[in-house]
Amino acid sequence: QLQLVESGGGLAQPGGSLTLSCAA
């Protein structure tokens, strides 16, 4: 089964950083 799964989202403060990942 072909899938893309994202992770890494969430709550961040203005000026902050996040890194999203997407695994196939």
mmCIF file of all heavy atoms, coordinates in Angstrom:
data_MODEL
# 
_entry.id   MODEL 
# 
loop_
_atom_site.group_PDB 
_atom_site.id 
_atom_site.type_symbol 
_atom_site.label_atom_id 
_atom_site.label_alt_id 
_atom_site.label_comp_id 
_atom_site.label_asym_id 
_atom_site.label_entity_id 
_atom_site.label_seq_id 
_atom_site.pdbx_PDB_ins_code 
_atom_site.Cartn_x 
_atom_site.Cartn_y 
_atom_site.Cartn_z 
_atom_site.occupancy 
_atom_site.B_iso_or_equiv 
_atom_site.pdbx_formal_charge 
_atom_site.auth_seq_id 
_atom_site.auth_comp_id 
_atom_site.auth_asym_id 
_atom_site.auth_atom_id 
_atom_site.pdbx_PDB_model_num 
ATOM 1   N N   . GLN A 1 1  ? 0.852  -1.193 0.000  1.00 0.00 ? 1  GLN A N   1 
ATOM 2   C CA  . GLN A 1 1  ? 0.000  0.000  0.000  1.00 0.00 ? 1  GLN A CA  1 
ATOM 3   C C   . GLN A 1 1  ? 0.882  1.234  0.000  1.00 0.00 ? 1  GLN A C   1 
ATOM 4   O O   . GLN A 1 1  ? 1.787  1.368  0.795  1.00 0.00 ? 1  GLN A O   1 
ATOM 5   C CB  . GLN A 1 1  ? -0.901 0.008  1.226  1.00 0.00 ? 1  GLN A CB  1 
ATOM 6   C CG  . GLN A 1 1  ? -1.900 1.139  1.250  1.00 0.00 ? 1  GLN A CG  1 
ATOM 7   C CD  . GLN A 1 1  ? -2.816 1.072  2.467  1.00 0.00 ? 1  GLN A CD  1 
ATOM 8   O OE1 . GLN A 1 1  ? -2.696 0.173  3.298  1.00 0.00 ? 1  GLN A OE1 1 
ATOM 9   N NE2 . GLN A 1 1  ? -3.727 2.019  2.559  1.00 0.00 ? 1  GLN A NE2 1 
ATOM 10  N N   . LEU A 1 2  ? 0.596  2.143  -0.934 1.00 0.00 ? 2  LEU A N   1 
ATOM 11  C CA  . LEU A 1 2  ? 1.382  3.360  -1.047 1.00 0.00 ? 2  LEU A CA  1 
ATOM 12  C C   . LEU A 1 2  ? 0.908  4.361  -0.004 1.00 0.00 ? 2  LEU A C   1 
ATOM 13  O O   . LEU A 1 2  ? -0.282 4.675  0.070  1.00 0.00 ? 2  LEU A O   1 
ATOM 14  C CB  . LEU A 1 2  ? 1.224  3.954  -2.438 1.00 0.00 ? 2  LEU A CB  1 
ATOM 15  C CG  . LEU A 1 2  ? 1.509  3.010  -3.604 1.00 0.00 ? 2  LEU A CG  1 
ATOM 16  C CD1 . LEU A 1 2  ? 1.326  3.737  -4.933 1.00 0.00 ? 2  LEU A CD1 1 
ATOM 17  C CD2 . LEU A 1 2  ? 2.892  2.423  -3.504 1.00 0.00 ? 2  LEU A CD2 1 
ATOM 18  N N   . GLN A 1 3  ? 1.837  4.845  0.796  1.00 0.00 ? 3  GLN A N   1 
ATOM 19  C CA  . GLN A 1 3  ? 1.466  5.774  1.851  1.00 0.00 ? 3  GLN A CA  1 
ATOM 20  C C   . GLN A 1 3  ? 2.501  6.862  2.030  1.00 0.00 ? 3  GLN A C   1 
ATOM 21  O O   . GLN A 1 3  ? 3.701  6.638  1.848  1.00 0.00 ? 3  GLN A O   1 
ATOM 22  C CB  . GLN A 1 3  ? 1.329  5.035  3.195  1.00 0.00 ? 3  GLN A CB  1 
ATOM 23  C CG  . GLN A 1 3  ? -0.015 4.407  3.441  1.00 0.00 ? 3  GLN A CG  1 
ATOM 24  C CD  . GLN A 1 3  ? -0.156 3.962  4.890  1.00 0.00 ? 3  GLN A CD  1 
ATOM 25  O OE1 . GLN A 1 3  ? 0.760  3.378  5.462  1.00 0.00 ? 3  GLN A OE1 1 
ATOM 26  N NE2 . GLN A 1 3  ? -1.308 4.248  5.479  1.00 0.00 ? 3  GLN A NE2 1 
ATOM 27  N N   . LEU A 1 4  ? 2.019  8.034  2.401  1.00 0.00 ? 4  LEU A N   1 
ATOM 28  C CA  . LEU A 1 4  ? 2.864  9.125  2.872  1.00 0.00 ? 4  LEU A CA  1 
ATOM 29  C C   . LEU A 1 4  ? 2.348  9.483  4.259  1.00 0.00 ? 4  LEU A C   1 
ATOM 30  O O   . LEU A 1 4  ? 1.149  9.696  4.440  1.00 0.00 ? 4  LEU A O   1 
ATOM 31  C CB  . LEU A 1 4  ? 2.765  10.341 1.954  1.00 0.00 ? 4  LEU A CB  1 
ATOM 32  C CG  . LEU A 1 4  ? 3.300  10.183 0.530  1.00 0.00 ? 4  LEU A CG  1 
ATOM 33  C CD1 . LEU A 1 4  ? 2.932  11.404 -0.304 1.00 0.00 ? 4  LEU A CD1 1 
ATOM 34  C CD2 . LEU A 1 4  ? 4.797  9.968  0.538  1.00 0.00 ? 4  LEU A CD2 1 
ATOM 35  N N   . VAL A 1 5  ? 3.242  9.539  5.218  1.00 0.00 ? 5  VAL A N   1 
ATOM 36  C CA  . VAL A 1 5  ? 2.839  9.819  6.595  1.00 0.00 ? 5  VAL A CA  1 
ATOM 37  C C   . VAL A 1 5  ? 3.644  10.996 7.118  1.00 0.00 ? 5  VAL A C   1 
ATOM 38  O O   . VAL A 1 5  ? 4.873  10.916 7.226  1.00 0.00 ? 5  VAL A O   1 
ATOM 39  C CB  . VAL A 1 5  ? 3.049  8.586  7.487  1.00 0.00 ? 5  VAL A CB  1 
ATOM 40  C CG1 . VAL A 1 5  ? 2.633  8.909  8.923  1.00 0.00 ? 5  VAL A CG1 1 
ATOM 41  C CG2 . VAL A 1 5  ? 2.249  7.407  6.961  1.00 0.00 ? 5  VAL A CG2 1 
ATOM 42  N N   . GLU A 1 6  ? 2.929  12.073 7.460  1.00 0.00 ? 6  GLU A N   1 
ATOM 43  C CA  . GLU A 1 6  ? 3.567  13.258 8.004  1.00 0.00 ? 6  GLU A CA  1 
ATOM 44  C C   . GLU A 1 6  ? 3.694  13.168 9.522  1.00 0.00 ? 6  GLU A C   1 
ATOM 45  O O   . GLU A 1 6  ? 2.881  12.507 10.188 1.00 0.00 ? 6  GLU A O   1 
ATOM 46  C CB  . GLU A 1 6  ? 2.780  14.531 7.672  1.00 0.00 ? 6  GLU A CB  1 
ATOM 47  C CG  . GLU A 1 6  ? 2.555  14.807 6.202  1.00 0.00 ? 6  GLU A CG  1 
ATOM 48  C CD  . GLU A 1 6  ? 1.213  14.295 5.707  1.00 0.00 ? 6  GLU A CD  1 
ATOM 49  O OE1 . GLU A 1 6  ? 0.666  13.368 6.346  1.00 0.00 ? 6  GLU A OE1 1 
ATOM 50  O OE2 . GLU A 1 6  ? 0.717  14.823 4.708  1.00 0.00 ? 6  GLU A OE2 1 
ATOM 51  N N   . SER A 1 7  ? 4.676  13.862 10.043 1.00 0.00 ? 7  SER A N   1 
ATOM 52  C CA  . SER A 1 7  ? 4.848  13.991 11.493 1.00 0.00 ? 7  SER A CA  1 
ATOM 53  C C   . SER A 1 7  ? 5.588  15.287 11.773 1.00 0.00 ? 7  SER A C   1 
ATOM 54  O O   . SER A 1 7  ? 6.131  15.912 10.857 1.00 0.00 ? 7  SER A O   1 
ATOM 55  C CB  . SER A 1 7  ? 5.617  12.793 12.065 1.00 0.00 ? 7  SER A CB  1 
ATOM 56  O OG  . SER A 1 7  ? 6.908  12.715 11.485 1.00 0.00 ? 7  SER A OG  1 
ATOM 57  N N   . GLY A 1 8  ? 5.583  15.675 13.046 1.00 0.00 ? 8  GLY A N   1 
ATOM 58  C CA  . GLY A 1 8  ? 6.354  16.848 13.442 1.00 0.00 ? 8  GLY A CA  1 
ATOM 59  C C   . GLY A 1 8  ? 5.547  18.102 13.669 1.00 0.00 ? 8  GLY A C   1 
ATOM 60  O O   . GLY A 1 8  ? 6.089  19.122 14.079 1.00 0.00 ? 8  GLY A O   1 
ATOM 61  N N   . GLY A 1 9  ? 4.257  18.054 13.394 1.00 0.00 ? 9  GLY A N   1 
ATOM 62  C CA  . GLY A 1 9  ? 3.430  19.224 13.642 1.00 0.00 ? 9  GLY A CA  1 
ATOM 63  C C   . GLY A 1 9  ? 3.202  19.426 15.130 1.00 0.00 ? 9  GLY A C   1 
ATOM 64  O O   . GLY A 1 9  ? 3.595  18.600 15.958 1.00 0.00 ? 9  GLY A O   1 
ATOM 65  N N   . GLY A 1 10 ? 2.576  20.543 15.458 1.00 0.00 ? 10 GLY A N   1 
ATOM 66  C CA  . GLY A 1 10 ? 2.293  20.833 16.859 1.00 0.00 ? 10 GLY A CA  1 
ATOM 67  C C   . GLY A 1 10 ? 2.094  22.308 17.081 1.00 0.00 ? 10 GLY A C   1 
ATOM 68  O O   . GLY A 1 10 ? 1.841  23.067 16.155 1.00 0.00 ? 10 GLY A O   1 
ATOM 69  N N   . LEU A 1 11 ? 2.254  22.696 18.323 1.00 0.00 ? 11 LEU A N   1 
ATOM 70  C CA  . LEU A 1 11 ? 2.075  24.093 18.725 1.00 0.00 ? 11 LEU A CA  1 
ATOM 71  C C   . LEU A 1 11 ? 3.445  24.760 18.824 1.00 0.00 ? 11 LEU A C   1 
ATOM 72  O O   . LEU A 1 11 ? 4.369  24.205 19.441 1.00 0.00 ? 11 LEU A O   1 
ATOM 73  C CB  . LEU A 1 11 ? 1.363  24.164 20.069 1.00 0.00 ? 11 LEU A CB  1 
ATOM 74  C CG  . LEU A 1 11 ? 1.178  25.549 20.675 1.00 0.00 ? 11 LEU A CG  1 
ATOM 75  C CD1 . LEU A 1 11 ? 0.265  26.407 19.809 1.00 0.00 ? 11 LEU A CD1 1 
ATOM 76  C CD2 . LEU A 1 11 ? 0.621  25.426 22.095 1.00 0.00 ? 11 LEU A CD2 1 
ATOM 77  N N   . ALA A 1 12 ? 3.571  25.914 18.214 1.00 0.00 ? 12 ALA A N   1 
ATOM 78  C CA  . ALA A 1 12 ? 4.810  26.674 18.285 1.00 0.00 ? 12 ALA A CA  1 
ATOM 79  C C   . ALA A 1 12 ? 4.486  28.122 18.590 1.00 0.00 ? 12 ALA A C   1 
ATOM 80  O O   . ALA A 1 12 ? 3.399  28.616 18.230 1.00 0.00 ? 12 ALA A O   1 
ATOM 81  C CB  . ALA A 1 12 ? 5.590  26.582 16.979 1.00 0.00 ? 12 ALA A CB  1 
ATOM 82  N N   . GLN A 1 13 ? 5.391  28.801 19.250 1.00 0.00 ? 13 GLN A N   1 
ATOM 83  C CA  . GLN A 1 13 ? 5.215  30.223 19.517 1.00 0.00 ? 13 GLN A CA  1 
ATOM 84  C C   . GLN A 1 13 ? 5.653  31.026 18.294 1.00 0.00 ? 13 GLN A C   1 
ATOM 85  O O   . GLN A 1 13 ? 6.487  30.570 17.505 1.00 0.00 ? 13 GLN A O   1 
ATOM 86  C CB  . GLN A 1 13 ? 6.039  30.638 20.728 1.00 0.00 ? 13 GLN A CB  1 
ATOM 87  C CG  . GLN A 1 13 ? 5.531  30.055 22.027 1.00 0.00 ? 13 GLN A CG  1 
ATOM 88  C CD  . GLN A 1 13 ? 6.209  30.668 23.241 1.00 0.00 ? 13 GLN A CD  1 
ATOM 89  O OE1 . GLN A 1 13 ? 7.288  31.234 23.138 1.00 0.00 ? 13 GLN A OE1 1 
ATOM 90  N NE2 . GLN A 1 13 ? 5.564  30.570 24.391 1.00 0.00 ? 13 GLN A NE2 1 
ATOM 91  N N   . PRO A 1 14 ? 5.119  32.209 18.113 1.00 0.00 ? 14 PRO A N   1 
ATOM 92  C CA  . PRO A 1 14 ? 5.618  33.072 17.034 1.00 0.00 ? 14 PRO A CA  1 
ATOM 93  C C   . PRO A 1 14 ? 7.126  33.256 17.149 1.00 0.00 ? 14 PRO A C   1 
ATOM 94  O O   . PRO A 1 14 ? 7.649  33.480 18.248 1.00 0.00 ? 14 PRO A O   1 
ATOM 95  C CB  . PRO A 1 14 ? 4.866  34.383 17.265 1.00 0.00 ? 14 PRO A CB  1 
ATOM 96  C CG  . PRO A 1 14 ? 3.600  33.962 17.953 1.00 0.00 ? 14 PRO A CG  1 
ATOM 97  C CD  . PRO A 1 14 ? 3.987  32.819 18.842 1.00 0.00 ? 14 PRO A CD  1 
ATOM 98  N N   . GLY A 1 15 ? 7.794  33.120 16.016 1.00 0.00 ? 15 GLY A N   1 
ATOM 99  C CA  . GLY A 1 15 ? 9.248  33.184 16.002 1.00 0.00 ? 15 GLY A CA  1 
ATOM 100 C C   . GLY A 1 15 ? 9.915  31.854 16.223 1.00 0.00 ? 15 GLY A C   1 
ATOM 101 O O   . GLY A 1 15 ? 11.138 31.746 16.081 1.00 0.00 ? 15 GLY A O   1 
ATOM 102 N N   . GLY A 1 16 ? 9.143  30.840 16.570 1.00 0.00 ? 16 GLY A N   1 
ATOM 103 C CA  . GLY A 1 16 ? 9.696  29.525 16.831 1.00 0.00 ? 16 GLY A CA  1 
ATOM 104 C C   . GLY A 1 16 ? 9.915  28.713 15.564 1.00 0.00 ? 16 GLY A C   1 
ATOM 105 O O   . GLY A 1 16 ? 9.722  29.203 14.447 1.00 0.00 ? 16 GLY A O   1 
ATOM 106 N N   . SER A 1 17 ? 10.319 27.467 15.774 1.00 0.00 ? 17 SER A N   1 
ATOM 107 C CA  . SER A 1 17 ? 10.647 26.578 14.661 1.00 0.00 ? 17 SER A CA  1 
ATOM 108 C C   . SER A 1 17 ? 9.995  25.210 14.840 1.00 0.00 ? 17 SER A C   1 
ATOM 109 O O   . SER A 1 17 ? 9.777  24.756 15.970 1.00 0.00 ? 17 SER A O   1 
ATOM 110 C CB  . SER A 1 17 ? 12.166 26.385 14.568 1.00 0.00 ? 17 SER A CB  1 
ATOM 111 O OG  . SER A 1 17 ? 12.829 27.601 14.315 1.00 0.00 ? 17 SER A OG  1 
ATOM 112 N N   . LEU A 1 18 ? 9.716  24.602 13.717 1.00 0.00 ? 18 LEU A N   1 
ATOM 113 C CA  . LEU A 1 18 ? 9.264  23.211 13.674 1.00 0.00 ? 18 LEU A CA  1 
ATOM 114 C C   . LEU A 1 18 ? 9.853  22.574 12.424 1.00 0.00 ? 18 LEU A C   1 
ATOM 115 O O   . LEU A 1 18 ? 10.066 23.261 11.415 1.00 0.00 ? 18 LEU A O   1 
ATOM 116 C CB  . LEU A 1 18 ? 7.739  23.110 13.601 1.00 0.00 ? 18 LEU A CB  1 
ATOM 117 C CG  . LEU A 1 18 ? 6.913  23.397 14.859 1.00 0.00 ? 18 LEU A CG  1 
ATOM 118 C CD1 . LEU A 1 18 ? 5.428  23.415 14.506 1.00 0.00 ? 18 LEU A CD1 1 
ATOM 119 C CD2 . LEU A 1 18 ? 7.201  22.391 15.944 1.00 0.00 ? 18 LEU A CD2 1 
ATOM 120 N N   . THR A 1 19 ? 10.071 21.270 12.493 1.00 0.00 ? 19 THR A N   1 
ATOM 121 C CA  . THR A 1 19 ? 10.483 20.520 11.304 1.00 0.00 ? 19 THR A CA  1 
ATOM 122 C C   . THR A 1 19 ? 9.478  19.409 11.060 1.00 0.00 ? 19 THR A C   1 
ATOM 123 O O   . THR A 1 19 ? 9.255  18.565 11.938 1.00 0.00 ? 19 THR A O   1 
ATOM 124 C CB  . THR A 1 19 ? 11.881 19.926 11.467 1.00 0.00 ? 19 THR A CB  1 
ATOM 125 O OG1 . THR A 1 19 ? 12.832 20.978 11.627 1.00 0.00 ? 19 THR A OG1 1 
ATOM 126 C CG2 . THR A 1 19 ? 12.255 19.113 10.224 1.00 0.00 ? 19 THR A CG2 1 
ATOM 127 N N   . LEU A 1 20 ? 8.862  19.445 9.905  1.00 0.00 ? 20 LEU A N   1 
ATOM 128 C CA  . LEU A 1 20 ? 7.924  18.403 9.503  1.00 0.00 ? 20 LEU A CA  1 
ATOM 129 C C   . LEU A 1 20 ? 8.668  17.330 8.719  1.00 0.00 ? 20 LEU A C   1 
ATOM 130 O O   . LEU A 1 20 ? 9.583  17.632 7.960  1.00 0.00 ? 20 LEU A O   1 
ATOM 131 C CB  . LEU A 1 20 ? 6.817  18.987 8.637  1.00 0.00 ? 20 LEU A CB  1 
ATOM 132 C CG  . LEU A 1 20 ? 6.034  20.170 9.213  1.00 0.00 ? 20 LEU A CG  1 
ATOM 133 C CD1 . LEU A 1 20 ? 4.922  20.573 8.253  1.00 0.00 ? 20 LEU A CD1 1 
ATOM 134 C CD2 . LEU A 1 20 ? 5.486  19.855 10.589 1.00 0.00 ? 20 LEU A CD2 1 
ATOM 135 N N   . SER A 1 21 ? 8.241  16.103 8.911  1.00 0.00 ? 21 SER A N   1 
ATOM 136 C CA  . SER A 1 21 ? 8.785  14.975 8.162  1.00 0.00 ? 21 SER A CA  1 
ATOM 137 C C   . SER A 1 21 ? 7.659  14.284 7.428  1.00 0.00 ? 21 SER A C   1 
ATOM 138 O O   . SER A 1 21 ? 6.506  14.297 7.879  1.00 0.00 ? 21 SER A O   1 
ATOM 139 C CB  . SER A 1 21 ? 9.471  13.975 9.103  1.00 0.00 ? 21 SER A CB  1 
ATOM 140 O OG  . SER A 1 21 ? 10.525 14.568 9.804  1.00 0.00 ? 21 SER A OG  1 
ATOM 141 N N   . CYS A 1 22 ? 8.006  13.656 6.327  1.00 0.00 ? 22 CYS A N   1 
ATOM 142 C CA  . CYS A 1 22 ? 7.031  12.897 5.543  1.00 0.00 ? 22 CYS A CA  1 
ATOM 143 C C   . CYS A 1 22 ? 7.722  11.628 5.068  1.00 0.00 ? 22 CYS A C   1 
ATOM 144 O O   . CYS A 1 22 ? 8.629  11.687 4.229  1.00 0.00 ? 22 CYS A O   1 
ATOM 145 C CB  . CYS A 1 22 ? 6.539  13.717 4.370  1.00 0.00 ? 22 CYS A CB  1 
ATOM 146 S SG  . CYS A 1 22 ? 5.475  12.806 3.239  1.00 0.00 ? 22 CYS A SG  1 
ATOM 147 N N   . ALA A 1 23 ? 7.301  10.514 5.613  1.00 0.00 ? 23 ALA A N   1 
ATOM 148 C CA  . ALA A 1 23 ? 7.914  9.230  5.277  1.00 0.00 ? 23 ALA A CA  1 
ATOM 149 C C   . ALA A 1 23 ? 7.032  8.476  4.298  1.00 0.00 ? 23 ALA A C   1 
ATOM 150 O O   . ALA A 1 23 ? 5.821  8.357  4.503  1.00 0.00 ? 23 ALA A O   1 
ATOM 151 C CB  . ALA A 1 23 ? 8.120  8.407  6.538  1.00 0.00 ? 23 ALA A CB  1 
ATOM 152 N N   . ALA A 1 24 ? 7.646  7.977  3.239  1.00 0.00 ? 24 ALA A N   1 
ATOM 153 C CA  . ALA A 1 24 ? 6.928  7.194  2.235  1.00 0.00 ? 24 ALA A CA  1 
ATOM 154 C C   . ALA A 1 24 ? 7.091  5.712  2.517  1.00 0.00 ? 24 ALA A C   1 
ATOM 155 O O   . ALA A 1 24 ? 8.159  5.264  2.931  1.00 0.00 ? 24 ALA A O   1 
ATOM 156 C CB  . ALA A 1 24 ? 7.441  7.513  0.842  1.00 0.00 ? 24 ALA A CB  1 
# 
